[in-house]
Full PDB file with SEQRES, HELIX, SHEET, SSBOND, CRYST1, ORIGX, SCALE, CONECT and MASTER records, all heavy atoms in Angstrom:
SEQRES   1 A   32  VAL ARG LEU ARG GLY HIS PHE PHE PRO PHE THR GLU PRO          
SEQRES   2 A   32  SER VAL GLU VAL ASP VAL SER CYS PHE ASN CYS ASN ASN          
SEQRES   3 A   32  GLY TRP MET PRO ASP GLY                                      
SHEET    1 AA1 2 ARG A   2  PHE A   8  0                                        
SHEET    2 AA1 2 THR A  11  ASP A  18 -1                                        
CRYST1    1.000    1.000    1.000  90.00  90.00  90.00 P 1           1          
ORIGX1      1.000000  0.000000  0.000000        0.00000                         
ORIGX2      0.000000  1.000000  0.000000        0.00000                         
ORIGX3      0.000000  0.000000  1.000000        0.00000                         
SCALE1      1.000000  0.000000  0.000000        0.00000                         
SCALE2      0.000000  1.000000  0.000000        0.00000                         
SCALE3      0.000000  0.000000  1.000000        0.00000                         
ATOM      1  N   VAL A   1       0.839  -1.194   0.000  1.00  0.00           N  
ATOM      2  CA  VAL A   1       0.000   0.000   0.000  1.00  0.00           C  
ATOM      3  C   VAL A   1       0.869   1.235   0.000  1.00  0.00           C  
ATOM      4  O   VAL A   1       2.020   1.214   0.442  1.00  0.00           O  
ATOM      5  CB  VAL A   1      -0.953   0.034   1.227  1.00  0.00           C  
ATOM      6  CG1 VAL A   1      -1.928  -1.121   1.194  1.00  0.00           C  
ATOM      7  CG2 VAL A   1      -0.177   0.058   2.526  1.00  0.00           C  
ATOM      8  N   ARG A   2       0.321   2.326  -0.511  1.00  0.00           N  
ATOM      9  CA  ARG A   2       0.998   3.612  -0.437  1.00  0.00           C  
ATOM     10  C   ARG A   2      -0.006   4.678  -0.028  1.00  0.00           C  
ATOM     11  O   ARG A   2      -1.203   4.557  -0.306  1.00  0.00           O  
ATOM     12  CB  ARG A   2       1.658   3.971  -1.770  1.00  0.00           C  
ATOM     13  CG  ARG A   2       0.684   4.367  -2.869  1.00  0.00           C  
ATOM     14  CD  ARG A   2       1.399   4.819  -4.136  1.00  0.00           C  
ATOM     15  NE  ARG A   2       0.431   5.240  -5.166  1.00  0.00           N  
ATOM     16  CZ  ARG A   2       0.786   5.672  -6.367  1.00  0.00           C  
ATOM     17  NH1 ARG A   2       2.072   5.721  -6.727  1.00  0.00           N  
ATOM     18  NH2 ARG A   2      -0.133   6.041  -7.240  1.00  0.00           N  
ATOM     19  N   LEU A   3       0.491   5.708   0.627  1.00  0.00           N  
ATOM     20  CA  LEU A   3      -0.345   6.808   1.088  1.00  0.00           C  
ATOM     21  C   LEU A   3      -0.002   8.058   0.292  1.00  0.00           C  
ATOM     22  O   LEU A   3       1.182   8.398   0.113  1.00  0.00           O  
ATOM     23  CB  LEU A   3      -0.121   7.067   2.585  1.00  0.00           C  
ATOM     24  CG  LEU A   3      -0.204   5.862   3.525  1.00  0.00           C  
ATOM     25  CD1 LEU A   3      -0.036   6.315   4.974  1.00  0.00           C  
ATOM     26  CD2 LEU A   3      -1.515   5.115   3.353  1.00  0.00           C  
ATOM     27  N   ARG A   4      -1.022   8.764  -0.185  1.00  0.00           N  
ATOM     28  CA  ARG A   4      -0.834  10.027  -0.895  1.00  0.00           C  
ATOM     29  C   ARG A   4      -1.582  11.126  -0.157  1.00  0.00           C  
ATOM     30  O   ARG A   4      -2.714  10.922   0.300  1.00  0.00           O  
ATOM     31  CB  ARG A   4      -1.377   9.924  -2.329  1.00  0.00           C  
ATOM     32  CG  ARG A   4      -0.631   8.960  -3.216  1.00  0.00           C  
ATOM     33  CD  ARG A   4      -1.251   8.879  -4.615  1.00  0.00           C  
ATOM     34  NE  ARG A   4      -2.546   8.198  -4.617  1.00  0.00           N  
ATOM     35  CZ  ARG A   4      -3.706   8.792  -4.746  1.00  0.00           C  
ATOM     36  NH1 ARG A   4      -3.787  10.116  -4.880  1.00  0.00           N  
ATOM     37  NH2 ARG A   4      -4.841   8.092  -4.754  1.00  0.00           N  
ATOM     38  N   GLY A   5      -0.971  12.279  -0.038  1.00  0.00           N  
ATOM     39  CA  GLY A   5      -1.604  13.384   0.661  1.00  0.00           C  
ATOM     40  C   GLY A   5      -2.928  13.792   0.026  1.00  0.00           C  
ATOM     41  O   GLY A   5      -3.084  13.786  -1.197  1.00  0.00           O  
ATOM     42  N   HIS A   6      -3.914  14.131   0.863  1.00  0.00           N  
ATOM     43  CA  HIS A   6      -5.233  14.500   0.383  1.00  0.00           C  
ATOM     44  C   HIS A   6      -5.872  15.425   1.416  1.00  0.00           C  
ATOM     45  O   HIS A   6      -5.198  15.905   2.331  1.00  0.00           O  
ATOM     46  CB  HIS A   6      -6.085  13.240   0.162  1.00  0.00           C  
ATOM     47  CG  HIS A   6      -7.279  13.460  -0.714  1.00  0.00           C  
ATOM     48  ND1 HIS A   6      -7.181  13.749  -2.051  1.00  0.00           N  
ATOM     49  CD2 HIS A   6      -8.606  13.436  -0.431  1.00  0.00           C  
ATOM     50  CE1 HIS A   6      -8.403  13.884  -2.564  1.00  0.00           C  
ATOM     51  NE2 HIS A   6      -9.287  13.703  -1.588  1.00  0.00           N  
ATOM     52  N   PHE A   7      -7.188  15.676   1.277  1.00  0.00           N  
ATOM     53  CA  PHE A   7      -7.905  16.480   2.268  1.00  0.00           C  
ATOM     54  C   PHE A   7      -9.263  15.862   2.557  1.00  0.00           C  
ATOM     55  O   PHE A   7     -10.026  15.542   1.642  1.00  0.00           O  
ATOM     56  CB  PHE A   7      -8.131  17.915   1.784  1.00  0.00           C  
ATOM     57  CG  PHE A   7      -9.092  18.675   2.668  1.00  0.00           C  
ATOM     58  CD1 PHE A   7      -8.683  19.167   3.901  1.00  0.00           C  
ATOM     59  CD2 PHE A   7     -10.423  18.851   2.292  1.00  0.00           C  
ATOM     60  CE1 PHE A   7      -9.579  19.832   4.732  1.00  0.00           C  
ATOM     61  CE2 PHE A   7     -11.323  19.520   3.115  1.00  0.00           C  
ATOM     62  CZ  PHE A   7     -10.882  20.007   4.344  1.00  0.00           C  
ATOM     63  N   PHE A   8      -9.550  15.671   3.838  1.00  0.00           N  
ATOM     64  CA  PHE A   8     -10.883  15.350   4.329  1.00  0.00           C  
ATOM     65  C   PHE A   8     -11.137  16.235   5.535  1.00  0.00           C  
ATOM     66  O   PHE A   8     -10.218  16.481   6.333  1.00  0.00           O  
ATOM     67  CB  PHE A   8     -11.001  13.868   4.727  1.00  0.00           C  
ATOM     68  CG  PHE A   8     -10.762  12.917   3.590  1.00  0.00           C  
ATOM     69  CD1 PHE A   8      -9.595  12.164   3.538  1.00  0.00           C  
ATOM     70  CD2 PHE A   8     -11.690  12.766   2.577  1.00  0.00           C  
ATOM     71  CE1 PHE A   8      -9.363  11.289   2.503  1.00  0.00           C  
ATOM     72  CE2 PHE A   8     -11.475  11.885   1.538  1.00  0.00           C  
ATOM     73  CZ  PHE A   8     -10.303  11.147   1.487  1.00  0.00           C  
ATOM     74  N   PRO A   9     -12.360  16.739   5.704  1.00  0.00           N  
ATOM     75  CA  PRO A   9     -12.618  17.683   6.798  1.00  0.00           C  
ATOM     76  C   PRO A   9     -12.341  17.120   8.189  1.00  0.00           C  
ATOM     77  O   PRO A   9     -11.974  17.860   9.105  1.00  0.00           O  
ATOM     78  CB  PRO A   9     -14.110  18.015   6.635  1.00  0.00           C  
ATOM     79  CG  PRO A   9     -14.433  17.698   5.212  1.00  0.00           C  
ATOM     80  CD  PRO A   9     -13.553  16.539   4.854  1.00  0.00           C  
ATOM     81  N   PHE A  10     -12.504  15.809   8.362  1.00  0.00           N  
ATOM     82  CA  PHE A  10     -12.447  15.238   9.710  1.00  0.00           C  
ATOM     83  C   PHE A  10     -11.146  14.509  10.006  1.00  0.00           C  
ATOM     84  O   PHE A  10     -11.034  13.844  11.033  1.00  0.00           O  
ATOM     85  CB  PHE A  10     -13.634  14.294   9.927  1.00  0.00           C  
ATOM     86  CG  PHE A  10     -13.997  13.451   8.732  1.00  0.00           C  
ATOM     87  CD1 PHE A  10     -13.430  12.215   8.539  1.00  0.00           C  
ATOM     88  CD2 PHE A  10     -14.913  13.924   7.813  1.00  0.00           C  
ATOM     89  CE1 PHE A  10     -13.766  11.448   7.438  1.00  0.00           C  
ATOM     90  CE2 PHE A  10     -15.267  13.164   6.703  1.00  0.00           C  
ATOM     91  CZ  PHE A  10     -14.683  11.912   6.513  1.00  0.00           C  
ATOM     92  N   THR A  11     -10.163  14.595   9.123  1.00  0.00           N  
ATOM     93  CA  THR A  11      -8.840  14.028   9.408  1.00  0.00           C  
ATOM     94  C   THR A  11      -7.759  15.051   9.059  1.00  0.00           C  
ATOM     95  O   THR A  11      -7.908  15.859   8.148  1.00  0.00           O  
ATOM     96  CB  THR A  11      -8.600  12.743   8.589  1.00  0.00           C  
ATOM     97  OG1 THR A  11      -8.854  12.997   7.195  1.00  0.00           O  
ATOM     98  CG2 THR A  11      -9.478  11.614   9.082  1.00  0.00           C  
ATOM     99  N   GLU A  12      -6.661  14.993   9.824  1.00  0.00           N  
ATOM    100  CA  GLU A  12      -5.525  15.891   9.584  1.00  0.00           C  
ATOM    101  C   GLU A  12      -4.266  15.282  10.203  1.00  0.00           C  
ATOM    102  O   GLU A  12      -4.170  15.173  11.430  1.00  0.00           O  
ATOM    103  CB  GLU A  12      -5.794  17.275  10.193  1.00  0.00           C  
ATOM    104  CG  GLU A  12      -4.679  18.280   9.975  1.00  0.00           C  
ATOM    105  CD  GLU A  12      -4.372  18.516   8.516  1.00  0.00           C  
ATOM    106  OE1 GLU A  12      -5.314  18.570   7.713  1.00  0.00           O  
ATOM    107  OE2 GLU A  12      -3.174  18.640   8.184  1.00  0.00           O  
ATOM    108  N   PRO A  13      -3.298  14.855   9.397  1.00  0.00           N  
ATOM    109  CA  PRO A  13      -3.292  14.888   7.932  1.00  0.00           C  
ATOM    110  C   PRO A  13      -4.228  13.830   7.348  1.00  0.00           C  
ATOM    111  O   PRO A  13      -4.589  12.871   8.006  1.00  0.00           O  
ATOM    112  CB  PRO A  13      -1.834  14.578   7.590  1.00  0.00           C  
ATOM    113  CG  PRO A  13      -1.366  13.726   8.732  1.00  0.00           C  
ATOM    114  CD  PRO A  13      -2.039  14.284   9.944  1.00  0.00           C  
ATOM    115  N   SER A  14      -4.598  14.054   6.065  1.00  0.00           N  
ATOM    116  CA  SER A  14      -5.464  13.138   5.342  1.00  0.00           C  
ATOM    117  C   SER A  14      -4.690  12.491   4.202  1.00  0.00           C  
ATOM    118  O   SER A  14      -3.761  13.103   3.641  1.00  0.00           O  
ATOM    119  CB  SER A  14      -6.678  13.873   4.762  1.00  0.00           C  
ATOM    120  OG  SER A  14      -7.416  14.525   5.771  1.00  0.00           O  
ATOM    121  N   VAL A  15      -5.068  11.267   3.866  1.00  0.00           N  
ATOM    122  CA  VAL A  15      -4.366  10.545   2.798  1.00  0.00           C  
ATOM    123  C   VAL A  15      -5.360   9.765   1.958  1.00  0.00           C  
ATOM    124  O   VAL A  15      -6.423   9.356   2.434  1.00  0.00           O  
ATOM    125  CB  VAL A  15      -3.302   9.570   3.363  1.00  0.00           C  
ATOM    126  CG1 VAL A  15      -2.179  10.328   4.045  1.00  0.00           C  
ATOM    127  CG2 VAL A  15      -3.930   8.556   4.317  1.00  0.00           C  
ATOM    128  N   GLU A  16      -5.012   9.591   0.690  1.00  0.00           N  
ATOM    129  CA  GLU A  16      -5.653   8.586  -0.147  1.00  0.00           C  
ATOM    130  C   GLU A  16      -4.786   7.343  -0.081  1.00  0.00           C  
ATOM    131  O   GLU A  16      -3.548   7.434  -0.040  1.00  0.00           O  
ATOM    132  CB  GLU A  16      -5.756   9.060  -1.600  1.00  0.00           C  
ATOM    133  CG  GLU A  16      -6.739  10.198  -1.808  1.00  0.00           C  
ATOM    134  CD  GLU A  16      -8.164   9.712  -1.982  1.00  0.00           C  
ATOM    135  OE1 GLU A  16      -8.417   8.530  -1.665  1.00  0.00           O  
ATOM    136  OE2 GLU A  16      -9.014  10.500  -2.419  1.00  0.00           O  
ATOM    137  N   VAL A  17      -5.397   6.177  -0.066  1.00  0.00           N  
ATOM    138  CA  VAL A  17      -4.658   4.928   0.081  1.00  0.00           C  
ATOM    139  C   VAL A  17      -4.814   4.119  -1.200  1.00  0.00           C  
ATOM    140  O   VAL A  17      -5.922   3.884  -1.683  1.00  0.00           O  
ATOM    141  CB  VAL A  17      -5.167   4.126   1.291  1.00  0.00           C  
ATOM    142  CG1 VAL A  17      -4.365   2.828   1.441  1.00  0.00           C  
ATOM    143  CG2 VAL A  17      -5.059   4.964   2.561  1.00  0.00           C  
ATOM    144  N   ASP A  18      -3.678   3.697  -1.751  1.00  0.00           N  
ATOM    145  CA  ASP A  18      -3.651   2.866  -2.947  1.00  0.00           C  
ATOM    146  C   ASP A  18      -3.110   1.489  -2.588  1.00  0.00           C  
ATOM    147  O   ASP A  18      -2.281   1.338  -1.678  1.00  0.00           O  
ATOM    148  CB  ASP A  18      -2.745   3.470  -4.027  1.00  0.00           C  
ATOM    149  CG  ASP A  18      -3.168   4.871  -4.442  1.00  0.00           C  
ATOM    150  OD1 ASP A  18      -4.370   5.165  -4.341  1.00  0.00           O  
ATOM    151  OD2 ASP A  18      -2.289   5.653  -4.852  1.00  0.00           O  
ATOM    152  N   VAL A  19      -3.578   0.477  -3.323  1.00  0.00           N  
ATOM    153  CA  VAL A  19      -3.038  -0.872  -3.186  1.00  0.00           C  
ATOM    154  C   VAL A  19      -2.357  -1.229  -4.497  1.00  0.00           C  
ATOM    155  O   VAL A  19      -2.806  -0.827  -5.579  1.00  0.00           O  
ATOM    156  CB  VAL A  19      -4.155  -1.883  -2.848  1.00  0.00           C  
ATOM    157  CG1 VAL A  19      -5.176  -1.969  -3.957  1.00  0.00           C  
ATOM    158  CG2 VAL A  19      -3.565  -3.255  -2.563  1.00  0.00           C  
ATOM    159  N   SER A  20      -1.230  -1.959  -4.413  1.00  0.00           N  
ATOM    160  CA  SER A  20      -0.542  -2.354  -5.636  1.00  0.00           C  
ATOM    161  C   SER A  20      -1.458  -3.251  -6.465  1.00  0.00           C  
ATOM    162  O   SER A  20      -2.180  -4.092  -5.935  1.00  0.00           O  
ATOM    163  CB  SER A  20       0.759  -3.086  -5.301  1.00  0.00           C  
ATOM    164  OG  SER A  20       0.519  -4.189  -4.452  1.00  0.00           O  
ATOM    165  N   CYS A  21      -1.444  -3.031  -7.759  1.00  0.00           N  
ATOM    166  CA  CYS A  21      -2.385  -3.710  -8.653  1.00  0.00           C  
ATOM    167  C   CYS A  21      -2.174  -5.218  -8.614  1.00  0.00           C  
ATOM    168  O   CYS A  21      -1.038  -5.708  -8.679  1.00  0.00           O  
ATOM    169  CB  CYS A  21      -2.234  -3.190 -10.083  1.00  0.00           C  
ATOM    170  SG  CYS A  21      -3.465  -3.880 -11.220  1.00  0.00           S  
ATOM    171  N   PHE A  22      -3.256  -5.954  -8.507  1.00  0.00           N  
ATOM    172  CA  PHE A  22      -3.215  -7.419  -8.437  1.00  0.00           C  
ATOM    173  C   PHE A  22      -3.579  -8.052  -9.767  1.00  0.00           C  
ATOM    174  O   PHE A  22      -3.770  -9.263  -9.851  1.00  0.00           O  
ATOM    175  CB  PHE A  22      -4.182  -7.923  -7.348  1.00  0.00           C  
ATOM    176  CG  PHE A  22      -5.499  -7.207  -7.337  1.00  0.00           C  
ATOM    177  CD1 PHE A  22      -6.521  -7.579  -8.192  1.00  0.00           C  
ATOM    178  CD2 PHE A  22      -5.703  -6.135  -6.487  1.00  0.00           C  
ATOM    179  CE1 PHE A  22      -7.722  -6.899  -8.192  1.00  0.00           C  
ATOM    180  CE2 PHE A  22      -6.913  -5.459  -6.468  1.00  0.00           C  
ATOM    181  CZ  PHE A  22      -7.934  -5.843  -7.327  1.00  0.00           C  
ATOM    182  N   ASN A  23      -3.656  -7.191 -10.813  1.00  0.00           N  
ATOM    183  CA  ASN A  23      -4.071  -7.681 -12.128  1.00  0.00           C  
ATOM    184  C   ASN A  23      -2.943  -7.660 -13.141  1.00  0.00           C  
ATOM    185  O   ASN A  23      -3.107  -8.138 -14.259  1.00  0.00           O  
ATOM    186  CB  ASN A  23      -5.242  -6.836 -12.643  1.00  0.00           C  
ATOM    187  CG  ASN A  23      -5.897  -7.397 -13.877  1.00  0.00           C  
ATOM    188  OD1 ASN A  23      -6.311  -8.552 -13.885  1.00  0.00           O  
ATOM    189  ND2 ASN A  23      -5.990  -6.603 -14.945  1.00  0.00           N  
ATOM    190  N   CYS A  24      -1.781  -7.092 -12.758  1.00  0.00           N  
ATOM    191  CA  CYS A  24      -0.722  -6.901 -13.742  1.00  0.00           C  
ATOM    192  C   CYS A  24       0.643  -6.893 -13.060  1.00  0.00           C  
ATOM    193  O   CYS A  24       0.760  -7.076 -11.848  1.00  0.00           O  
ATOM    194  CB  CYS A  24      -0.933  -5.580 -14.489  1.00  0.00           C  
ATOM    195  SG  CYS A  24      -0.763  -4.121 -13.402  1.00  0.00           S  
ATOM    196  N   ASN A  25       1.675  -6.623 -13.836  1.00  0.00           N  
ATOM    197  CA  ASN A  25       3.036  -6.480 -13.326  1.00  0.00           C  
ATOM    198  C   ASN A  25       3.472  -5.033 -13.510  1.00  0.00           C  
ATOM    199  O   ASN A  25       3.882  -4.625 -14.584  1.00  0.00           O  
ATOM    200  CB  ASN A  25       3.991  -7.438 -14.062  1.00  0.00           C  
ATOM    201  CG  ASN A  25       5.420  -7.340 -13.551  1.00  0.00           C  
ATOM    202  OD1 ASN A  25       5.657  -6.825 -12.450  1.00  0.00           O  
ATOM    203  ND2 ASN A  25       6.373  -7.815 -14.340  1.00  0.00           N  
ATOM    204  N   ASN A  26       3.284  -4.253 -12.433  1.00  0.00           N  
ATOM    205  CA  ASN A  26       3.685  -2.845 -12.452  1.00  0.00           C  
ATOM    206  C   ASN A  26       3.033  -2.066 -13.597  1.00  0.00           C  
ATOM    207  O   ASN A  26       3.670  -1.201 -14.224  1.00  0.00           O  
ATOM    208  CB  ASN A  26       5.214  -2.733 -12.548  1.00  0.00           C  
ATOM    209  CG  ASN A  26       5.722  -1.375 -12.100  1.00  0.00           C  
ATOM    210  OD1 ASN A  26       5.094  -0.712 -11.260  1.00  0.00           O  
ATOM    211  ND2 ASN A  26       6.833  -0.939 -12.664  1.00  0.00           N  
ATOM    212  N   GLY A  27       1.776  -2.366 -13.864  1.00  0.00           N  
ATOM    213  CA  GLY A  27       1.033  -1.587 -14.847  1.00  0.00           C  
ATOM    214  C   GLY A  27       0.919  -2.219 -16.209  1.00  0.00           C  
ATOM    215  O   GLY A  27       0.206  -1.690 -17.070  1.00  0.00           O  
ATOM    216  N   TRP A  28       1.606  -3.351 -16.430  1.00  0.00           N  
ATOM    217  CA  TRP A  28       1.625  -3.928 -17.779  1.00  0.00           C  
ATOM    218  C   TRP A  28       1.194  -5.383 -17.747  1.00  0.00           C  
ATOM    219  O   TRP A  28       1.506  -6.136 -16.830  1.00  0.00           O  
ATOM    220  CB  TRP A  28       3.030  -3.812 -18.394  1.00  0.00           C  
ATOM    221  CG  TRP A  28       3.482  -2.382 -18.461  1.00  0.00           C  
ATOM    222  CD1 TRP A  28       4.291  -1.731 -17.590  1.00  0.00           C  
ATOM    223  CD2 TRP A  28       3.091  -1.431 -19.438  1.00  0.00           C  
ATOM    224  NE1 TRP A  28       4.433  -0.415 -17.951  1.00  0.00           N  
ATOM    225  CE2 TRP A  28       3.707  -0.198 -19.096  1.00  0.00           C  
ATOM    226  CE3 TRP A  28       2.276  -1.468 -20.587  1.00  0.00           C  
ATOM    227  CZ2 TRP A  28       3.541   0.952 -19.845  1.00  0.00           C  
ATOM    228  CZ3 TRP A  28       2.121  -0.315 -21.338  1.00  0.00           C  
ATOM    229  CH2 TRP A  28       2.755   0.885 -20.958  1.00  0.00           C  
ATOM    230  N   MET A  29       0.454  -5.759 -18.782  1.00  0.00           N  
ATOM    231  CA  MET A  29      -0.024  -7.128 -18.913  1.00  0.00           C  
ATOM    232  C   MET A  29       1.049  -7.988 -19.571  1.00  0.00           C  
ATOM    233  O   MET A  29       1.999  -7.457 -20.196  1.00  0.00           O  
ATOM    234  CB  MET A  29      -1.315  -7.156 -19.744  1.00  0.00           C  
ATOM    235  CG  MET A  29      -2.425  -6.272 -19.185  1.00  0.00           C  
ATOM    236  SD  MET A  29      -2.932  -6.762 -17.531  1.00  0.00           S  
ATOM    237  CE  MET A  29      -3.761  -8.323 -17.897  1.00  0.00           C  
ATOM    238  N   PRO A  30       0.938  -9.339 -19.470  1.00  0.00           N  
ATOM    239  CA  PRO A  30       1.956 -10.204 -20.080  1.00  0.00           C  
ATOM    240  C   PRO A  30       2.140  -9.993 -21.574  1.00  0.00           C  
ATOM    241  O   PRO A  30       3.240 -10.215 -22.106  1.00  0.00           O  
ATOM    242  CB  PRO A  30       1.425 -11.614 -19.784  1.00  0.00           C  
ATOM    243  CG  PRO A  30       0.613 -11.458 -18.531  1.00  0.00           C  
ATOM    244  CD  PRO A  30      -0.020 -10.099 -18.655  1.00  0.00           C  
ATOM    245  N   ASP A  31       1.098  -9.548 -22.274  1.00  0.00           N  
ATOM    246  CA  ASP A  31       1.232  -9.338 -23.724  1.00  0.00           C  
ATOM    247  C   ASP A  31       1.801  -7.967 -24.058  1.00  0.00           C  
ATOM    248  O   ASP A  31       1.867  -7.583 -25.233  1.00  0.00           O  
ATOM    249  CB  ASP A  31      -0.117  -9.529 -24.410  1.00  0.00           C  
ATOM    250  CG  ASP A  31      -1.172  -8.529 -23.928  1.00  0.00           C  
ATOM    251  OD1 ASP A  31      -0.843  -7.672 -23.082  1.00  0.00           O  
ATOM    252  OD2 ASP A  31      -2.327  -8.598 -24.415  1.00  0.00           O  
ATOM    253  N   GLY A  32       2.192  -7.203 -23.045  1.00  0.00           N  
ATOM    254  CA  GLY A  32       2.788  -5.896 -23.278  1.00  0.00           C  
ATOM    255  C   GLY A  32       1.800  -4.753 -23.308  1.00  0.00           C  
ATOM    256  O   GLY A  32       2.202  -3.586 -23.435  1.00  0.00           O  
TER     257      GLY A  32                                                      
MASTER        0    0    0    0    2    0    0    6  256    1    0    3          
END                                                                             
């Protein structure tokens, strides 16, 4: 997971949370 800075009224600091893709290899499919 990675955290990116964001804004929500009820949290400080606020973050968006991403999960590493489980469908590919770093953004690319086996066929390129």
